[in-house]
Each structure stands twice: as structure tokens, then as C-alpha cells.
Amino acid sequence: MTGTLVNAAAIVAGGAIGLLFKKSIKESFADSINKSLGLAILIIGLNGVISNMFTVDDGKIASGGELLLVIFLVIGTLIGELLRLEDRFKNFSDGIEKKFGKGGFSAGFISSTLLFCIGAMAIIGALNDGLKNDSSILFVKSALDFTTAIILGATVGFGVMFSSIPILLYQGGITLLAGALGGLLQGELLEQVCFVGYAIIVAIGLNFIFDKKFKTLNMVPAIFLPIAYHYILMLINYIKG
């Protein structure tokens, strides 16, 4: 759990530092920074999708999983829309904003939580922390998240710091269950989880650039569909004998 604790602390510290600069940043500057950050997030997401979907074989580039990506995203988003995840969280976050007397909780919390939780570093780093007691990957992730949290805290508000809670639950849960998950989250399944997750990160980047078009929280169920798909295939193969 050491790596996850450091990661959560880095996000809180980065978000707090960003808030110190929030009032001194002009609105026009904040808009430009948001778009620049969105571009960086977009590139990170595209890089993640490409690295998990494309391979080089004998000097030729091959891709796989495009149809699965479409299916996972469409069905996952449909589930999120039916459950009204974004709307339910919006109502919850509105209550927190009123309690603290500050706006910007929802935008900061949703964007930063998805950004910090999704990706291979979060999964593999947490697994290594639990299986090998090796926190090195999460320490590197902490440094990256710290820098990103400063920028997010300065532009989208105090909700960024609260994203440390899902990090503790998500990465900490993977670390504690590492023995059981280590044999599951690997190979093709890990690639599928990652390319779906990075596709959502692409949507987050586009939201920053174009001032929110995707309901990214409603897309989150798509991340878990590769696991369901994996077990369905296992069941079918078992029945076939």
C-alpha cells in the first residue's frame, strides 16, 4: 500500500498547490492552460490506445481489437446512460459544492479521478506493490500525478484533491487483491482494459479542449466489459469441452 499512499498524498499536495495559484490566474490564461492540458491528455490517451492495440511484426504494423473497442464503448456507455451515472454524481457534487460554498468540485473530481485511475501504470504499479512489494512504478506515477494535480487544481478547482479517495480505494484494492488479480489482469485482457481506459482519456482531453462534450463518467462501465467478455469466452470454451 506504500505506493498508493504516496500517490494519494501527491495528488492532495499537488491540488492544494494549484489552488494557491488559482486566484492569480486570469480567466483567459486558465482557458489557454486548459486547452494545452487537454491536448497533452489527448496525446497520452492516443498513445495508450495505440500501444495497446497495435503491434509491429516483421516491420509491419498490425492492429487488433477495433471492433471490441467499439462494442465495449457503446455497450458500456449505454449502461452508464441507463444508470445515469453522470447525472447522479452531478446531484451529489452539487450538494458538496453548496456545503463548501465553492464551485468546480464536479469538473475537477470527475476529470482528475478518471485521469489518475485509468491506465496501465495504475494497474501494473498496484499489482507490483502487492505481489513484489515494489512501489517504484507508483512512485513514478505519483510524480506525474503531482504535476498534473497542480495544473488541474489551478484551473478546475478543489475537486482535484478529493480524487485521492478513489485512488486509495482503486489502487489500494488492486494491491490488497494482487494475489487473485495477478493471474487475471495480464496479457490480452490487460490490453483490452487499457485501450478502453485510454479511449476514455482521449474523451477527457477533448472535453478540456472543446469545453465538455462527452459524459465521461457514463463511459466508465466500458472499462469492466473486457473482464465480462473474458469470462464469457472462458465459459463458452468450457461448455464446448
C-alpha atoms as a PDB file:
ATOM      1  CA  MET A   1       0.000   0.000   0.000  1.00  0.00           C
ATOM      2  CA  THR A   2       3.017   2.320   0.278  1.00  0.00           C
ATOM      3  CA  GLY A   3       2.924   3.326  -3.380  1.00  0.00           C
ATOM      4  CA  THR A   4      -0.804   4.092  -3.302  1.00  0.00           C
ATOM      5  CA  LEU A   5      -0.492   6.138  -0.086  1.00  0.00           C
ATOM      6  CA  VAL A   6       2.309   8.192  -1.651  1.00  0.00           C
ATOM      7  CA  ASN A   7       0.251   8.598  -4.837  1.00  0.00           C
ATOM      8  CA  ALA A   8      -2.804   9.850  -2.928  1.00  0.00           C
ATOM      9  CA  ALA A   9      -0.675  12.254  -0.884  1.00  0.00           C
ATOM     10  CA  ALA A  10       0.964  13.582  -4.070  1.00  0.00           C
ATOM     11  CA  ILE A  11      -2.456  14.337  -5.583  1.00  0.00           C
ATOM     12  CA  VAL A  12      -3.636  16.162  -2.447  1.00  0.00           C
ATOM     13  CA  ALA A  13      -0.404  18.164  -2.271  1.00  0.00           C
ATOM     14  CA  GLY A  14      -0.452  18.986  -5.985  1.00  0.00           C
ATOM     15  CA  GLY A  15      -4.104  20.019  -5.897  1.00  0.00           C
ATOM     16  CA  ALA A  16      -3.513  22.223  -2.849  1.00  0.00           C
ATOM     17  CA  ILE A  17      -0.553  23.954  -4.507  1.00  0.00           C
ATOM     18  CA  GLY A  18      -2.647  24.500  -7.635  1.00  0.00           C
ATOM     19  CA  LEU A  19      -5.427  26.127  -5.594  1.00  0.00           C
ATOM     20  CA  LEU A  20      -2.924  28.643  -4.221  1.00  0.00           C
ATOM     21  CA  PHE A  21      -2.343  29.877  -7.761  1.00  0.00           C
ATOM     22  CA  LYS A  22      -5.963  29.664  -8.920  1.00  0.00           C
ATOM     23  CA  LYS A  23      -6.958  33.214  -7.976  1.00  0.00           C
ATOM     24  CA  SER A  24      -3.851  34.706  -9.562  1.00  0.00           C
ATOM     25  CA  ILE A  25      -4.530  33.111 -12.955  1.00  0.00           C
ATOM     26  CA  LYS A  26      -6.567  35.232 -15.340  1.00  0.00           C
ATOM     27  CA  GLU A  27      -9.596  33.632 -16.945  1.00  0.00           C
ATOM     28  CA  SER A  28      -8.051  33.923 -20.414  1.00  0.00           C
ATOM     29  CA  PHE A  29      -4.869  32.253 -19.126  1.00  0.00           C
ATOM     30  CA  ALA A  30      -6.875  29.484 -17.475  1.00  0.00           C
ATOM     31  CA  ASP A  31      -8.688  28.790 -20.757  1.00  0.00           C
ATOM     32  CA  SER A  32      -5.396  28.552 -22.648  1.00  0.00           C
ATOM     33  CA  ILE A  33      -3.892  26.284 -19.967  1.00  0.00           C
ATOM     34  CA  ASN A  34      -6.983  24.059 -20.045  1.00  0.00           C
ATOM     35  CA  LYS A  35      -6.708  23.647 -23.801  1.00  0.00           C
ATOM     36  CA  SER A  36      -2.967  22.921 -23.565  1.00  0.00           C
ATOM     37  CA  LEU A  37      -3.623  20.376 -20.820  1.00  0.00           C
ATOM     38  CA  GLY A  38      -6.408  18.890 -22.927  1.00  0.00           C
ATOM     39  CA  LEU A  39      -4.010  18.477 -25.836  1.00  0.00           C
ATOM     40  CA  ALA A  40      -1.477  16.721 -23.590  1.00  0.00           C
ATOM     41  CA  ILE A  41      -4.173  14.425 -22.167  1.00  0.00           C
ATOM     42  CA  LEU A  42      -5.418  13.702 -25.696  1.00  0.00           C
ATOM     43  CA  ILE A  43      -1.909  12.675 -26.806  1.00  0.00           C
ATOM     44  CA  ILE A  44      -1.454  10.487 -23.702  1.00  0.00           C
ATOM     45  CA  GLY A  45      -4.768   8.781 -24.418  1.00  0.00           C
ATOM     46  CA  LEU A  46      -3.984   8.221 -28.098  1.00  0.00           C
ATOM     47  CA  ASN A  47      -0.546   6.872 -27.204  1.00  0.00           C
ATOM     48  CA  GLY A  48      -2.144   4.444 -24.740  1.00  0.00           C
ATOM     49  CA  VAL A  49      -4.725   3.251 -27.274  1.00  0.00           C
ATOM     50  CA  ILE A  50      -2.090   2.780 -29.973  1.00  0.00           C
ATOM     51  CA  SER A  51       0.404   0.996 -27.703  1.00  0.00           C
ATOM     52  CA  ASN A  52      -2.266  -1.493 -26.577  1.00  0.00           C
ATOM     53  CA  MET A  53      -3.931  -2.072 -29.965  1.00  0.00           C
ATOM     54  CA  PHE A  54      -1.035  -2.011 -32.409  1.00  0.00           C
ATOM     55  CA  THR A  55       1.949  -4.343 -32.758  1.00  0.00           C
ATOM     56  CA  VAL A  56       4.920  -4.440 -35.110  1.00  0.00           C
ATOM     57  CA  ASP A  57       5.549  -7.809 -36.762  1.00  0.00           C
ATOM     58  CA  ASP A  58       8.327  -8.229 -39.331  1.00  0.00           C
ATOM     59  CA  GLY A  59       8.460  -4.499 -39.872  1.00  0.00           C
ATOM     60  CA  LYS A  60       4.717  -4.273 -40.499  1.00  0.00           C
ATOM     61  CA  ILE A  61       2.197  -2.602 -38.219  1.00  0.00           C
ATOM     62  CA  ALA A  62      -0.751  -4.786 -37.230  1.00  0.00           C
ATOM     63  CA  SER A  63      -3.783  -3.787 -35.220  1.00  0.00           C
ATOM     64  CA  GLY A  64      -6.398  -5.710 -33.321  1.00  0.00           C
ATOM     65  CA  GLY A  65      -9.406  -5.121 -31.118  1.00  0.00           C
ATOM     66  CA  GLU A  66     -11.046  -2.275 -33.059  1.00  0.00           C
ATOM     67  CA  LEU A  67     -14.437  -3.996 -33.152  1.00  0.00           C
ATOM     68  CA  LEU A  68     -14.173  -4.919 -29.466  1.00  0.00           C
ATOM     69  CA  LEU A  69     -13.327  -1.306 -28.619  1.00  0.00           C
ATOM     70  CA  VAL A  70     -16.472  -0.128 -30.403  1.00  0.00           C
ATOM     71  CA  ILE A  71     -18.627  -2.772 -28.699  1.00  0.00           C
ATOM     72  CA  PHE A  72     -17.182  -2.127 -25.221  1.00  0.00           C
ATOM     73  CA  LEU A  73     -17.568   1.657 -25.519  1.00  0.00           C
ATOM     74  CA  VAL A  74     -21.088   1.556 -26.970  1.00  0.00           C
ATOM     75  CA  ILE A  75     -22.471  -1.006 -24.512  1.00  0.00           C
ATOM     76  CA  GLY A  76     -20.565   0.487 -21.569  1.00  0.00           C
ATOM     77  CA  THR A  77     -21.814   3.986 -22.355  1.00  0.00           C
ATOM     78  CA  LEU A  78     -25.368   2.671 -22.768  1.00  0.00           C
ATOM     79  CA  ILE A  79     -25.130   1.097 -19.305  1.00  0.00           C
ATOM     80  CA  GLY A  80     -23.812   4.363 -17.881  1.00  0.00           C
ATOM     81  CA  GLU A  81     -26.615   6.329 -19.527  1.00  0.00           C
ATOM     82  CA  LEU A  82     -29.271   3.930 -18.227  1.00  0.00           C
ATOM     83  CA  LEU A  83     -27.797   4.166 -14.724  1.00  0.00           C
ATOM     84  CA  ARG A  84     -27.489   7.959 -15.145  1.00  0.00           C
ATOM     85  CA  LEU A  85     -24.051   7.889 -13.510  1.00  0.00           C
ATOM     86  CA  GLU A  86     -23.091  11.412 -14.588  1.00  0.00           C
ATOM     87  CA  ASP A  87     -26.429  12.923 -13.503  1.00  0.00           C
ATOM     88  CA  ARG A  88     -26.401  11.124 -10.150  1.00  0.00           C
ATOM     89  CA  PHE A  89     -22.866  12.245  -9.433  1.00  0.00           C
ATOM     90  CA  LYS A  90     -23.726  15.789 -10.547  1.00  0.00           C
ATOM     91  CA  ASN A  91     -26.504  15.921  -7.948  1.00  0.00           C
ATOM     92  CA  PHE A  92     -24.120  14.542  -5.318  1.00  0.00           C
ATOM     93  CA  SER A  93     -21.376  17.017  -6.213  1.00  0.00           C
ATOM     94  CA  ASP A  94     -23.821  19.939  -6.252  1.00  0.00           C
ATOM     95  CA  GLY A  95     -24.594  19.141  -2.608  1.00  0.00           C
ATOM     96  CA  ILE A  96     -20.876  19.169  -1.746  1.00  0.00           C
ATOM     97  CA  GLU A  97     -20.362  22.446  -3.618  1.00  0.00           C
ATOM     98  CA  LYS A  98     -23.192  24.070  -1.649  1.00  0.00           C
ATOM     99  CA  LYS A  99     -21.804  22.736   1.624  1.00  0.00           C
ATOM    100  CA  PHE A 100     -18.323  24.121   0.968  1.00  0.00           C
ATOM    101  CA  GLY A 101     -19.630  27.240  -0.727  1.00  0.00           C
ATOM    102  CA  LYS A 102     -17.324  26.680  -3.702  1.00  0.00           C
ATOM    103  CA  GLY A 103     -17.921  25.712  -7.305  1.00  0.00           C
ATOM    104  CA  GLY A 104     -15.880  23.485  -9.540  1.00  0.00           C
ATOM    105  CA  PHE A 105     -15.981  20.306  -7.473  1.00  0.00           C
ATOM    106  CA  SER A 106     -17.672  18.136 -10.097  1.00  0.00           C
ATOM    107  CA  ALA A 107     -15.452  19.107 -13.037  1.00  0.00           C
ATOM    108  CA  GLY A 108     -12.255  18.725 -11.047  1.00  0.00           C
ATOM    109  CA  PHE A 109     -13.213  15.486  -9.332  1.00  0.00           C
ATOM    110  CA  ILE A 110     -14.536  13.596 -12.371  1.00  0.00           C
ATOM    111  CA  SER A 111     -11.744  14.579 -14.755  1.00  0.00           C
ATOM    112  CA  SER A 112      -8.902  14.017 -12.306  1.00  0.00           C
ATOM    113  CA  THR A 113     -10.298  10.742 -10.922  1.00  0.00           C
ATOM    114  CA  LEU A 114     -10.605   9.182 -14.357  1.00  0.00           C
ATOM    115  CA  LEU A 115      -7.247  10.570 -15.439  1.00  0.00           C
ATOM    116  CA  PHE A 116      -5.386   9.308 -12.349  1.00  0.00           C
ATOM    117  CA  CYS A 117      -7.121   5.917 -12.098  1.00  0.00           C
ATOM    118  CA  ILE A 118      -7.160   4.811 -15.721  1.00  0.00           C
ATOM    119  CA  GLY A 119      -4.070   3.363 -17.314  1.00  0.00           C
ATOM    120  CA  ALA A 120      -1.504   0.622 -17.176  1.00  0.00           C
ATOM    121  CA  MET A 121       0.661   2.372 -14.562  1.00  0.00           C
ATOM    122  CA  ALA A 122      -2.166   2.336 -12.034  1.00  0.00           C
ATOM    123  CA  ILE A 123      -2.944  -1.352 -12.576  1.00  0.00           C
ATOM    124  CA  ILE A 124       0.564  -2.745 -13.002  1.00  0.00           C
ATOM    125  CA  GLY A 125       2.011  -0.475 -10.320  1.00  0.00           C
ATOM    126  CA  ALA A 126      -0.612  -1.589  -7.792  1.00  0.00           C
ATOM    127  CA  LEU A 127      -0.083  -5.257  -8.700  1.00  0.00           C
ATOM    128  CA  ASN A 128       3.693  -4.939  -8.257  1.00  0.00           C
ATOM    129  CA  ASP A 129       3.158  -3.199  -4.932  1.00  0.00           C
ATOM    130  CA  GLY A 130       1.082  -6.127  -3.699  1.00  0.00           C
ATOM    131  CA  LEU A 131       2.907  -9.056  -5.297  1.00  0.00           C
ATOM    132  CA  LYS A 132       6.533  -7.916  -5.083  1.00  0.00           C
ATOM    133  CA  ASN A 133       6.395  -5.111  -2.518  1.00  0.00           C
ATOM    134  CA  ASP A 134       7.808  -2.926  -5.306  1.00  0.00           C
ATOM    135  CA  SER A 135       6.374   0.605  -5.338  1.00  0.00           C
ATOM    136  CA  SER A 136       8.725   2.036  -7.965  1.00  0.00           C
ATOM    137  CA  ILE A 137       6.084   2.300 -10.723  1.00  0.00           C
ATOM    138  CA  LEU A 138       3.631   4.039  -8.404  1.00  0.00           C
ATOM    139  CA  PHE A 139       6.364   6.426  -7.241  1.00  0.00           C
ATOM    140  CA  VAL A 140       6.920   7.480 -10.845  1.00  0.00           C
ATOM    141  CA  LYS A 141       3.139   7.774 -11.313  1.00  0.00           C
ATOM    142  CA  SER A 142       2.976   9.889  -8.145  1.00  0.00           C
ATOM    143  CA  ALA A 143       5.446  12.388  -9.597  1.00  0.00           C
ATOM    144  CA  LEU A 144       3.417  12.640 -12.811  1.00  0.00           C
ATOM    145  CA  ASP A 145       0.108  12.926 -10.942  1.00  0.00           C
ATOM    146  CA  PHE A 146       1.576  15.571  -8.621  1.00  0.00           C
ATOM    147  CA  THR A 147       2.456  17.795 -11.583  1.00  0.00           C
ATOM    148  CA  THR A 148      -0.903  17.217 -13.268  1.00  0.00           C
ATOM    149  CA  ALA A 149      -2.780  17.883  -9.996  1.00  0.00           C
ATOM    150  CA  ILE A 150      -1.088  21.290  -9.702  1.00  0.00           C
ATOM    151  CA  ILE A 151      -2.316  22.293 -13.153  1.00  0.00           C
ATOM    152  CA  LEU A 152      -5.804  20.852 -12.594  1.00  0.00           C
ATOM    153  CA  GLY A 153      -6.085  22.443  -9.149  1.00  0.00           C
ATOM    154  CA  ALA A 154      -5.176  25.831 -10.590  1.00  0.00           C
ATOM    155  CA  THR A 155      -7.690  25.595 -13.425  1.00  0.00           C
ATOM    156  CA  VAL A 156     -10.667  23.403 -12.465  1.00  0.00           C
ATOM    157  CA  GLY A 157     -10.816  23.673  -8.691  1.00  0.00           C
ATOM    158  CA  PHE A 158     -10.667  21.894  -5.365  1.00  0.00           C
ATOM    159  CA  GLY A 159     -12.384  18.685  -6.530  1.00  0.00           C
ATOM    160  CA  VAL A 160      -8.970  17.505  -7.737  1.00  0.00           C
ATOM    161  CA  MET A 161      -7.799  16.839  -4.182  1.00  0.00           C
ATOM    162  CA  PHE A 162     -10.806  14.587  -3.495  1.00  0.00           C
ATOM    163  CA  SER A 163      -9.754  12.302  -6.356  1.00  0.00           C
ATOM    164  CA  SER A 164      -7.188  10.922  -3.894  1.00  0.00           C
ATOM    165  CA  ILE A 165     -10.053   8.956  -2.278  1.00  0.00           C
ATOM    166  CA  PRO A 166     -10.892   6.859  -5.373  1.00  0.00           C
ATOM    167  CA  ILE A 167      -7.143   6.361  -5.874  1.00  0.00           C
ATOM    168  CA  LEU A 168      -6.886   4.882  -2.377  1.00  0.00           C
ATOM    169  CA  LEU A 169      -9.869   2.609  -2.979  1.00  0.00           C
ATOM    170  CA  TYR A 170      -8.999   1.598  -6.541  1.00  0.00           C
ATOM    171  CA  GLN A 171      -5.237   1.139  -6.427  1.00  0.00           C
ATOM    172  CA  GLY A 172      -5.320   0.023  -2.803  1.00  0.00           C
ATOM    173  CA  GLY A 173      -7.945  -2.593  -3.650  1.00  0.00           C
ATOM    174  CA  ILE A 174      -5.840  -3.944  -6.515  1.00  0.00           C
ATOM    175  CA  THR A 175      -2.790  -4.093  -4.225  1.00  0.00           C
ATOM    176  CA  LEU A 176      -4.667  -5.944  -1.488  1.00  0.00           C
ATOM    177  CA  LEU A 177      -6.182  -8.367  -4.018  1.00  0.00           C
ATOM    178  CA  ALA A 178      -2.968  -8.673  -6.010  1.00  0.00           C
ATOM    179  CA  GLY A 179      -2.671 -12.413  -5.397  1.00  0.00           C
ATOM    180  CA  ALA A 180      -6.042 -13.069  -7.018  1.00  0.00           C
ATOM    181  CA  LEU A 181      -5.832 -10.397  -9.726  1.00  0.00           C
ATOM    182  CA  GLY A 182      -2.219 -11.004 -10.735  1.00  0.00           C
ATOM    183  CA  GLY A 183      -3.113 -14.035 -12.818  1.00  0.00           C
ATOM    184  CA  LEU A 184      -6.170 -12.350 -14.337  1.00  0.00           C
ATOM    185  CA  LEU A 185      -5.092  -8.827 -15.340  1.00  0.00           C
ATOM    186  CA  GLN A 186      -2.389  -9.701 -17.798  1.00  0.00           C
ATOM    187  CA  GLY A 187      -1.841 -10.360 -21.483  1.00  0.00           C
ATOM    188  CA  GLU A 188      -4.707  -9.707 -23.871  1.00  0.00           C
ATOM    189  CA  LEU A 189      -7.220  -8.907 -21.124  1.00  0.00           C
ATOM    190  CA  LEU A 190      -4.968  -6.193 -19.641  1.00  0.00           C
ATOM    191  CA  GLU A 191      -4.509  -4.736 -23.127  1.00  0.00           C
ATOM    192  CA  GLN A 192      -8.284  -4.618 -23.639  1.00  0.00           C
ATOM    193  CA  VAL A 193      -8.893  -2.943 -20.274  1.00  0.00           C
ATOM    194  CA  CYS A 194      -6.149  -0.417 -21.038  1.00  0.00           C
ATOM    195  CA  PHE A 195      -7.204   0.506 -24.568  1.00  0.00           C
ATOM    196  CA  VAL A 196     -10.779   1.082 -23.414  1.00  0.00           C
ATOM    197  CA  GLY A 197      -9.497   3.167 -20.496  1.00  0.00           C
ATOM    198  CA  TYR A 198      -7.193   5.216 -22.697  1.00  0.00           C
ATOM    199  CA  ALA A 199     -10.058   5.814 -25.151  1.00  0.00           C
ATOM    200  CA  ILE A 200     -11.941   7.444 -22.262  1.00  0.00           C
ATOM    201  CA  ILE A 201      -8.838   9.527 -21.523  1.00  0.00           C
ATOM    202  CA  VAL A 202      -8.993  10.725 -25.150  1.00  0.00           C
ATOM    203  CA  ALA A 203     -12.568  11.850 -24.431  1.00  0.00           C
ATOM    204  CA  ILE A 204     -11.353  13.711 -21.315  1.00  0.00           C
ATOM    205  CA  GLY A 205      -8.752  15.520 -23.418  1.00  0.00           C
ATOM    206  CA  LEU A 206     -11.392  16.511 -25.963  1.00  0.00           C
ATOM    207  CA  ASN A 207     -13.600  17.796 -23.132  1.00  0.00           C
ATOM    208  CA  PHE A 208     -10.815  20.109 -21.963  1.00  0.00           C
ATOM    209  CA  ILE A 209     -10.232  21.383 -25.489  1.00  0.00           C
ATOM    210  CA  PHE A 210     -13.872  21.818 -26.511  1.00  0.00           C
ATOM    211  CA  ASP A 211     -15.379  22.630 -23.093  1.00  0.00           C
ATOM    212  CA  LYS A 212     -17.109  19.315 -22.281  1.00  0.00           C
ATOM    213  CA  LYS A 213     -18.873  17.291 -24.928  1.00  0.00           C
ATOM    214  CA  PHE A 214     -18.533  13.718 -23.609  1.00  0.00           C
ATOM    215  CA  LYS A 215     -20.206  12.421 -20.446  1.00  0.00           C
ATOM    216  CA  THR A 216     -17.069  10.534 -19.466  1.00  0.00           C
ATOM    217  CA  LEU A 217     -18.481   9.178 -16.207  1.00  0.00           C
ATOM    218  CA  ASN A 218     -21.194   7.380 -18.182  1.00  0.00           C
ATOM    219  CA  MET A 219     -18.437   5.696 -20.208  1.00  0.00           C
ATOM    220  CA  VAL A 220     -16.741   4.118 -17.163  1.00  0.00           C
ATOM    221  CA  PRO A 221     -18.713   0.805 -17.225  1.00  0.00           C
ATOM    222  CA  ALA A 222     -16.974   0.086 -20.538  1.00  0.00           C
ATOM    223  CA  ILE A 223     -13.700  -0.496 -18.632  1.00  0.00           C
ATOM    224  CA  PHE A 224     -15.161  -3.558 -16.908  1.00  0.00           C
ATOM    225  CA  LEU A 225     -16.701  -5.154 -20.002  1.00  0.00           C
ATOM    226  CA  PRO A 226     -13.433  -6.783 -21.191  1.00  0.00           C
ATOM    227  CA  ILE A 227     -13.400  -8.774 -17.936  1.00  0.00           C
ATOM    228  CA  ALA A 228     -17.002  -9.912 -18.502  1.00  0.00           C
ATOM    229  CA  TYR A 229     -16.122 -10.751 -22.114  1.00  0.00           C
ATOM    230  CA  HIS A 230     -13.089 -12.732 -20.954  1.00  0.00           C
ATOM    231  CA  TYR A 231     -15.175 -14.865 -18.584  1.00  0.00           C
ATOM    232  CA  ILE A 232     -17.929 -15.398 -21.165  1.00  0.00           C
ATOM    233  CA  LEU A 233     -15.329 -16.762 -23.599  1.00  0.00           C
ATOM    234  CA  MET A 234     -13.936 -18.996 -20.853  1.00  0.00           C
ATOM    235  CA  LEU A 235     -17.459 -20.316 -20.134  1.00  0.00           C
ATOM    236  CA  ILE A 236     -18.146 -20.963 -23.819  1.00  0.00           C
ATOM    237  CA  ASN A 237     -14.853 -22.822 -24.223  1.00  0.00           C
ATOM    238  CA  TYR A 238     -15.595 -24.825 -21.086  1.00  0.00           C
ATOM    239  CA  ILE A 239     -19.042 -25.824 -22.375  1.00  0.00           C
ATOM    240  CA  LYS A 240     -17.551 -26.822 -25.716  1.00  0.00           C
ATOM    241  CA  GLY A 241     -15.261 -29.008 -23.708  1.00  0.00           C
END
